[in-house]
Amino acid sequence: MDIPAGLSVKVENNTKIEITGIDKHLLGQFA
C-alpha cells in the first residue's frame, strides 16, 4: 500500500502499525 502524502507510518515488532498525520480525515481513511 502506498502511503499518502502527509502521513507517516511506523511498524514495530512486525505487528504494530502507528499512523500519524495532521489531516484527521486522510488518516482515518488510510487506517
PDB file of all heavy atoms in Angstrom:
ATOM      1  N   MET A   1       0.852  -1.191   0.000  1.00  0.00           N
ATOM      2  CA  MET A   1       0.000   0.000   0.000  1.00  0.00           C
ATOM      3  C   MET A   1       0.886   1.239   0.000  1.00  0.00           C
ATOM      4  O   MET A   1       1.802   1.351   0.811  1.00  0.00           O
ATOM      5  CB  MET A   1      -0.895   0.007   1.245  1.00  0.00           C
ATOM      6  CG  MET A   1      -1.821  -1.182   1.326  1.00  0.00           C
ATOM      7  SD  MET A   1      -2.863  -1.123   2.785  1.00  0.00           S
ATOM      8  CE  MET A   1      -3.999   0.156   2.292  1.00  0.00           C
ATOM      9  N   ASP A   2       0.596   2.160  -0.920  1.00  0.00           N
ATOM     10  CA  ASP A   2       1.314   3.430  -0.946  1.00  0.00           C
ATOM     11  C   ASP A   2       0.843   4.294   0.205  1.00  0.00           C
ATOM     12  O   ASP A   2      -0.360   4.411   0.450  1.00  0.00           O
ATOM     13  CB  ASP A   2       1.079   4.164  -2.266  1.00  0.00           C
ATOM     14  CG  ASP A   2       1.732   3.464  -3.441  1.00  0.00           C
ATOM     15  OD1 ASP A   2       2.821   2.892  -3.242  1.00  0.00           O
ATOM     16  OD2 ASP A   2       1.147   3.490  -4.542  1.00  0.00           O
ATOM     17  N   ILE A   3       1.775   4.941   0.885  1.00  0.00           N
ATOM     18  CA  ILE A   3       1.427   5.824   1.995  1.00  0.00           C
ATOM     19  C   ILE A   3       1.105   7.198   1.418  1.00  0.00           C
ATOM     20  O   ILE A   3       1.923   7.770   0.691  1.00  0.00           O
ATOM     21  CB  ILE A   3       2.573   5.896   3.013  1.00  0.00           C
ATOM     22  CG1 ILE A   3       2.826   4.501   3.583  1.00  0.00           C
ATOM     23  CG2 ILE A   3       2.250   6.893   4.117  1.00  0.00           C
ATOM     24  CD1 ILE A   3       4.056   4.398   4.423  1.00  0.00           C
ATOM     25  N   PRO A   4      -0.075   7.753   1.708  1.00  0.00           N
ATOM     26  CA  PRO A   4      -0.439   9.066   1.167  1.00  0.00           C
ATOM     27  C   PRO A   4       0.489  10.170   1.679  1.00  0.00           C
ATOM     28  O   PRO A   4       1.043  10.077   2.779  1.00  0.00           O
ATOM     29  CB  PRO A   4      -1.865   9.290   1.685  1.00  0.00           C
ATOM     30  CG  PRO A   4      -2.359   7.953   2.090  1.00  0.00           C
ATOM     31  CD  PRO A   4      -1.162   7.157   2.476  1.00  0.00           C
ATOM     32  N   ALA A   5       0.644  11.209   0.878  1.00  0.00           N
ATOM     33  CA  ALA A   5       1.458  12.354   1.286  1.00  0.00           C
ATOM     34  C   ALA A   5       0.819  13.012   2.503  1.00  0.00           C
ATOM     35  O   ALA A   5      -0.395  13.161   2.578  1.00  0.00           O
ATOM     36  CB  ALA A   5       1.557  13.354   0.140  1.00  0.00           C
ATOM     37  N   GLY A   6       1.634  13.365   3.471  1.00  0.00           N
ATOM     38  CA  GLY A   6       1.128  13.987   4.685  1.00  0.00           C
ATOM     39  C   GLY A   6       0.980  13.023   5.842  1.00  0.00           C
ATOM     40  O   GLY A   6       0.690  13.440   6.957  1.00  0.00           O
ATOM     41  N   LEU A   7       1.150  11.737   5.593  1.00  0.00           N
ATOM     42  CA  LEU A   7       1.064  10.733   6.653  1.00  0.00           C
ATOM     43  C   LEU A   7       2.416  10.062   6.828  1.00  0.00           C
ATOM     44  O   LEU A   7       3.185   9.938   5.879  1.00  0.00           O
ATOM     45  CB  LEU A   7       0.022   9.665   6.325  1.00  0.00           C
ATOM     46  CG  LEU A   7      -1.429  10.098   6.216  1.00  0.00           C
ATOM     47  CD1 LEU A   7      -2.296   8.897   5.913  1.00  0.00           C
ATOM     48  CD2 LEU A   7      -1.895  10.789   7.465  1.00  0.00           C
ATOM     49  N   SER A   8       2.685   9.613   8.050  1.00  0.00           N
ATOM     50  CA  SER A   8       3.882   8.812   8.290  1.00  0.00           C
ATOM     51  C   SER A   8       3.462   7.541   9.013  1.00  0.00           C
ATOM     52  O   SER A   8       2.540   7.543   9.830  1.00  0.00           O
ATOM     53  CB  SER A   8       4.915   9.585   9.109  1.00  0.00           C
ATOM     54  OG  SER A   8       4.402   9.895  10.373  1.00  0.00           O
ATOM     55  N   VAL A   9       4.143   6.447   8.688  1.00  0.00           N
ATOM     56  CA  VAL A   9       3.796   5.140   9.230  1.00  0.00           C
ATOM     57  C   VAL A   9       5.038   4.528   9.863  1.00  0.00           C
ATOM     58  O   VAL A   9       6.126   4.589   9.293  1.00  0.00           O
ATOM     59  CB  VAL A   9       3.249   4.211   8.117  1.00  0.00           C
ATOM     60  CG1 VAL A   9       2.969   2.826   8.654  1.00  0.00           C
ATOM     61  CG2 VAL A   9       2.006   4.799   7.495  1.00  0.00           C
ATOM     62  N   LYS A  10       4.872   3.966  11.060  1.00  0.00           N
ATOM     63  CA  LYS A  10       5.934   3.237  11.737  1.00  0.00           C
ATOM     64  C   LYS A  10       5.422   1.830  12.038  1.00  0.00           C
ATOM     65  O   LYS A  10       4.267   1.659  12.402  1.00  0.00           O
ATOM     66  CB  LYS A  10       6.307   3.907  13.059  1.00  0.00           C
ATOM     67  CG  LYS A  10       6.933   5.259  12.925  1.00  0.00           C
ATOM     68  CD  LYS A  10       7.243   5.817  14.296  1.00  0.00           C
ATOM     69  CE  LYS A  10       7.628   7.268  14.196  1.00  0.00           C
ATOM     70  NZ  LYS A  10       7.747   7.890  15.514  1.00  0.00           N
ATOM     71  N   VAL A  11       6.291   0.844  11.892  1.00  0.00           N
ATOM     72  CA  VAL A  11       5.938  -0.535  12.188  1.00  0.00           C
ATOM     73  C   VAL A  11       6.855  -1.029  13.302  1.00  0.00           C
ATOM     74  O   VAL A  11       8.078  -0.902  13.208  1.00  0.00           O
ATOM     75  CB  VAL A  11       6.081  -1.437  10.944  1.00  0.00           C
ATOM     76  CG1 VAL A  11       5.775  -2.874  11.298  1.00  0.00           C
ATOM     77  CG2 VAL A  11       5.170  -0.959   9.834  1.00  0.00           C
ATOM     78  N   GLU A  12       6.259  -1.562  14.380  1.00  0.00           N
ATOM     79  CA  GLU A  12       7.020  -2.112  15.493  1.00  0.00           C
ATOM     80  C   GLU A  12       6.707  -3.596  15.631  1.00  0.00           C
ATOM     81  O   GLU A  12       5.549  -4.003  15.547  1.00  0.00           O
ATOM     82  CB  GLU A  12       6.640  -1.415  16.807  1.00  0.00           C
ATOM     83  CG  GLU A  12       6.989   0.045  16.869  1.00  0.00           C
ATOM     84  CD  GLU A  12       6.553   0.669  18.177  1.00  0.00           C
ATOM     85  OE1 GLU A  12       6.368  -0.074  19.155  1.00  0.00           O
ATOM     86  OE2 GLU A  12       6.392   1.890  18.193  1.00  0.00           O
ATOM     87  N   ASN A  13       7.718  -4.393  15.866  1.00  0.00           N
ATOM     88  CA  ASN A  13       7.586  -5.834  16.121  1.00  0.00           C
ATOM     89  C   ASN A  13       6.807  -6.564  15.030  1.00  0.00           C
ATOM     90  O   ASN A  13       6.199  -7.592  15.298  1.00  0.00           O
ATOM     91  CB  ASN A  13       6.922  -6.090  17.476  1.00  0.00           C
ATOM     92  CG  ASN A  13       7.716  -5.520  18.615  1.00  0.00           C
ATOM     93  OD1 ASN A  13       8.927  -5.375  18.522  1.00  0.00           O
ATOM     94  ND2 ASN A  13       7.034  -5.186  19.695  1.00  0.00           N
ATOM     95  N   ASN A  14       6.795  -6.051  13.840  1.00  0.00           N
ATOM     96  CA  ASN A  14       6.111  -6.655  12.682  1.00  0.00           C
ATOM     97  C   ASN A  14       4.601  -6.770  12.837  1.00  0.00           C
ATOM     98  O   ASN A  14       3.934  -7.284  11.944  1.00  0.00           O
ATOM     99  CB  ASN A  14       6.672  -8.052  12.370  1.00  0.00           C
ATOM    100  CG  ASN A  14       8.096  -8.005  11.911  1.00  0.00           C
ATOM    101  OD1 ASN A  14       8.514  -7.034  11.293  1.00  0.00           O
ATOM    102  ND2 ASN A  14       8.845  -9.039  12.210  1.00  0.00           N
ATOM    103  N   THR A  15       4.023  -6.340  13.972  1.00  0.00           N
ATOM    104  CA  THR A  15       2.580  -6.476  14.160  1.00  0.00           C
ATOM    105  C   THR A  15       1.887  -5.181  14.561  1.00  0.00           C
ATOM    106  O   THR A  15       0.672  -5.114  14.521  1.00  0.00           O
ATOM    107  CB  THR A  15       2.256  -7.532  15.226  1.00  0.00           C
ATOM    108  OG1 THR A  15       2.877  -7.150  16.446  1.00  0.00           O
ATOM    109  CG2 THR A  15       2.734  -8.906  14.803  1.00  0.00           C
ATOM    110  N   LYS A  16       2.624  -4.176  14.975  1.00  0.00           N
ATOM    111  CA  LYS A  16       2.008  -2.921  15.412  1.00  0.00           C
ATOM    112  C   LYS A  16       2.312  -1.818  14.410  1.00  0.00           C
ATOM    113  O   LYS A  16       3.454  -1.556  14.080  1.00  0.00           O
ATOM    114  CB  LYS A  16       2.515  -2.538  16.799  1.00  0.00           C
ATOM    115  CG  LYS A  16       2.081  -3.517  17.849  1.00  0.00           C
ATOM    116  CD  LYS A  16       2.543  -3.117  19.201  1.00  0.00           C
ATOM    117  CE  LYS A  16       2.054  -4.188  20.183  1.00  0.00           C
ATOM    118  NZ  LYS A  16       2.680  -4.083  21.466  1.00  0.00           N
ATOM    119  N   ILE A  17       1.256  -1.178  13.932  1.00  0.00           N
ATOM    120  CA  ILE A  17       1.367  -0.119  12.939  1.00  0.00           C
ATOM    121  C   ILE A  17       0.879   1.172  13.581  1.00  0.00           C
ATOM    122  O   ILE A  17      -0.224   1.224  14.117  1.00  0.00           O
ATOM    123  CB  ILE A  17       0.517  -0.434  11.688  1.00  0.00           C
ATOM    124  CG1 ILE A  17       0.922  -1.771  11.086  1.00  0.00           C
ATOM    125  CG2 ILE A  17       0.634   0.688  10.668  1.00  0.00           C
ATOM    126  CD1 ILE A  17      -0.014  -2.258  10.008  1.00  0.00           C
ATOM    127  N   GLU A  18       1.706   2.220  13.517  1.00  0.00           N
ATOM    128  CA  GLU A  18       1.309   3.538  14.019  1.00  0.00           C
ATOM    129  C   GLU A  18       1.287   4.507  12.844  1.00  0.00           C
ATOM    130  O   GLU A  18       2.295   4.692  12.157  1.00  0.00           O
ATOM    131  CB  GLU A  18       2.267   4.046  15.086  1.00  0.00           C
ATOM    132  CG  GLU A  18       1.850   5.395  15.620  1.00  0.00           C
ATOM    133  CD  GLU A  18       2.819   5.973  16.633  1.00  0.00           C
ATOM    134  OE1 GLU A  18       3.957   5.498  16.714  1.00  0.00           O
ATOM    135  OE2 GLU A  18       2.413   6.913  17.333  1.00  0.00           O
ATOM    136  N   ILE A  19       0.127   5.125  12.632  1.00  0.00           N
ATOM    137  CA  ILE A  19      -0.049   6.087  11.546  1.00  0.00           C
ATOM    138  C   ILE A  19      -0.216   7.459  12.182  1.00  0.00           C
ATOM    139  O   ILE A  19      -1.057   7.628  13.070  1.00  0.00           O
ATOM    140  CB  ILE A  19      -1.290   5.754  10.698  1.00  0.00           C
ATOM    141  CG1 ILE A  19      -1.286   4.284  10.276  1.00  0.00           C
ATOM    142  CG2 ILE A  19      -1.373   6.653   9.479  1.00  0.00           C
ATOM    143  CD1 ILE A  19      -2.610   3.809   9.755  1.00  0.00           C
ATOM    144  N   THR A  20       0.570   8.443  11.752  1.00  0.00           N
ATOM    145  CA  THR A  20       0.465   9.798  12.285  1.00  0.00           C
ATOM    146  C   THR A  20       0.337  10.788  11.132  1.00  0.00           C
ATOM    147  O   THR A  20       0.834  10.545  10.029  1.00  0.00           O
ATOM    148  CB  THR A  20       1.705  10.170  13.135  1.00  0.00           C
ATOM    149  OG1 THR A  20       2.871  10.014  12.342  1.00  0.00           O
ATOM    150  CG2 THR A  20       1.801   9.309  14.370  1.00  0.00           C
ATOM    151  N   GLY A  21      -0.335  11.909  11.420  1.00  0.00           N
ATOM    152  CA  GLY A  21      -0.503  12.955  10.427  1.00  0.00           C
ATOM    153  C   GLY A  21      -1.321  14.099  10.993  1.00  0.00           C
ATOM    154  O   GLY A  21      -1.810  14.043  12.124  1.00  0.00           O
ATOM    155  N   ILE A  22      -1.483  15.159  10.194  1.00  0.00           N
ATOM    156  CA  ILE A  22      -2.223  16.326  10.666  1.00  0.00           C
ATOM    157  C   ILE A  22      -3.650  16.362  10.139  1.00  0.00           C
ATOM    158  O   ILE A  22      -4.493  17.044  10.700  1.00  0.00           O
ATOM    159  CB  ILE A  22      -1.497  17.647  10.303  1.00  0.00           C
ATOM    160  CG1 ILE A  22      -1.349  17.823   8.798  1.00  0.00           C
ATOM    161  CG2 ILE A  22      -0.151  17.714  10.980  1.00  0.00           C
ATOM    162  CD1 ILE A  22      -0.804  19.168   8.382  1.00  0.00           C
ATOM    163  N   ASP A  23      -3.933  15.626   9.073  1.00  0.00           N
ATOM    164  CA  ASP A  23      -5.270  15.619   8.485  1.00  0.00           C
ATOM    165  C   ASP A  23      -6.045  14.415   9.024  1.00  0.00           C
ATOM    166  O   ASP A  23      -5.748  13.266   8.686  1.00  0.00           O
ATOM    167  CB  ASP A  23      -5.169  15.558   6.965  1.00  0.00           C
ATOM    168  CG  ASP A  23      -6.496  15.764   6.272  1.00  0.00           C
ATOM    169  OD1 ASP A  23      -7.535  15.837   6.960  1.00  0.00           O
ATOM    170  OD2 ASP A  23      -6.492  15.865   5.033  1.00  0.00           O
ATOM    171  N   LYS A  24      -7.037  14.661   9.883  1.00  0.00           N
ATOM    172  CA  LYS A  24      -7.783  13.579  10.530  1.00  0.00           C
ATOM    173  C   LYS A  24      -8.549  12.733   9.521  1.00  0.00           C
ATOM    174  O   LYS A  24      -8.621  11.514   9.653  1.00  0.00           O
ATOM    175  CB  LYS A  24      -8.734  14.163  11.575  1.00  0.00           C
ATOM    176  CG  LYS A  24      -9.414  13.123  12.425  1.00  0.00           C
ATOM    177  CD  LYS A  24     -10.230  13.746  13.528  1.00  0.00           C
ATOM    178  CE  LYS A  24     -10.795  12.693  14.448  1.00  0.00           C
ATOM    179  NZ  LYS A  24     -11.558  13.263  15.542  1.00  0.00           N
ATOM    180  N   HIS A  25      -9.119  13.358   8.511  1.00  0.00           N
ATOM    181  CA  HIS A  25      -9.889  12.623   7.516  1.00  0.00           C
ATOM    182  C   HIS A  25      -8.995  11.678   6.719  1.00  0.00           C
ATOM    183  O   HIS A  25      -9.328  10.499   6.525  1.00  0.00           O
ATOM    184  CB  HIS A  25     -10.602  13.594   6.575  1.00  0.00           C
ATOM    185  CG  HIS A  25     -11.331  12.928   5.465  1.00  0.00           C
ATOM    186  ND1 HIS A  25     -12.510  12.248   5.654  1.00  0.00           N
ATOM    187  CD2 HIS A  25     -11.045  12.802   4.148  1.00  0.00           C
ATOM    188  CE1 HIS A  25     -12.921  11.744   4.504  1.00  0.00           C
ATOM    189  NE2 HIS A  25     -12.041  12.066   3.576  1.00  0.00           N
ATOM    190  N   LEU A  26      -7.859  12.167   6.246  1.00  0.00           N
ATOM    191  CA  LEU A  26      -6.938  11.350   5.469  1.00  0.00           C
ATOM    192  C   LEU A  26      -6.383  10.203   6.311  1.00  0.00           C
ATOM    193  O   LEU A  26      -6.275   9.068   5.839  1.00  0.00           O
ATOM    194  CB  LEU A  26      -5.794  12.221   4.942  1.00  0.00           C
ATOM    195  CG  LEU A  26      -4.748  11.548   4.067  1.00  0.00           C
ATOM    196  CD1 LEU A  26      -5.387  11.037   2.781  1.00  0.00           C
ATOM    197  CD2 LEU A  26      -3.628  12.514   3.750  1.00  0.00           C
ATOM    198  N   LEU A  27      -6.060  10.481   7.568  1.00  0.00           N
ATOM    199  CA  LEU A  27      -5.535   9.464   8.464  1.00  0.00           C
ATOM    200  C   LEU A  27      -6.568   8.362   8.711  1.00  0.00           C
ATOM    201  O   LEU A  27      -6.261   7.179   8.635  1.00  0.00           O
ATOM    202  CB  LEU A  27      -5.112  10.101   9.794  1.00  0.00           C
ATOM    203  CG  LEU A  27      -4.459   9.173  10.777  1.00  0.00           C
ATOM    204  CD1 LEU A  27      -3.123   9.745  11.197  1.00  0.00           C
ATOM    205  CD2 LEU A  27      -5.333   9.003  11.979  1.00  0.00           C
ATOM    206  N   GLY A  28      -7.796   8.736   8.981  1.00  0.00           N
ATOM    207  CA  GLY A  28      -8.854   7.763   9.216  1.00  0.00           C
ATOM    208  C   GLY A  28      -9.166   6.939   7.984  1.00  0.00           C
ATOM    209  O   GLY A  28      -9.428   5.736   8.075  1.00  0.00           O
ATOM    210  N   GLN A  29      -9.123   7.557   6.808  1.00  0.00           N
ATOM    211  CA  GLN A  29      -9.383   6.847   5.564  1.00  0.00           C
ATOM    212  C   GLN A  29      -8.303   5.806   5.295  1.00  0.00           C
ATOM    213  O   GLN A  29      -8.592   4.672   4.922  1.00  0.00           O
ATOM    214  CB  GLN A  29      -9.478   7.830   4.400  1.00  0.00           C
ATOM    215  CG  GLN A  29      -9.765   7.187   3.060  1.00  0.00           C
ATOM    216  CD  GLN A  29     -11.130   6.546   3.021  1.00  0.00           C
ATOM    217  OE1 GLN A  29     -12.091   7.083   3.548  1.00  0.00           O
ATOM    218  NE2 GLN A  29     -11.226   5.404   2.380  1.00  0.00           N
ATOM    219  N   PHE A  30      -7.028   6.173   5.520  1.00  0.00           N
ATOM    220  CA  PHE A  30      -5.933   5.235   5.272  1.00  0.00           C
ATOM    221  C   PHE A  30      -5.982   4.088   6.286  1.00  0.00           C
ATOM    222  O   PHE A  30      -5.767   2.923   5.918  1.00  0.00           O
ATOM    223  CB  PHE A  30      -4.595   5.954   5.319  1.00  0.00           C
ATOM    224  CG  PHE A  30      -3.435   5.083   4.941  1.00  0.00           C
ATOM    225  CD1 PHE A  30      -3.344   4.546   3.675  1.00  0.00           C
ATOM    226  CD2 PHE A  30      -2.445   4.795   5.852  1.00  0.00           C
ATOM    227  CE1 PHE A  30      -2.284   3.726   3.314  1.00  0.00           C
ATOM    228  CE2 PHE A  30      -1.374   3.976   5.505  1.00  0.00           C
ATOM    229  CZ  PHE A  30      -1.291   3.457   4.234  1.00  0.00           C
ATOM    230  N   ALA A  31      -6.297   4.385   7.546  1.00  0.00           N
ATOM    231  CA  ALA A  31      -6.413   3.335   8.556  1.00  0.00           C
ATOM    232  C   ALA A  31      -7.562   2.376   8.204  1.00  0.00           C
ATOM    233  O   ALA A  31      -7.434   1.163   8.380  1.00  0.00           O
ATOM    234  CB  ALA A  31      -6.646   3.946   9.934  1.00  0.00           C
TER     235      ALA A  31
END
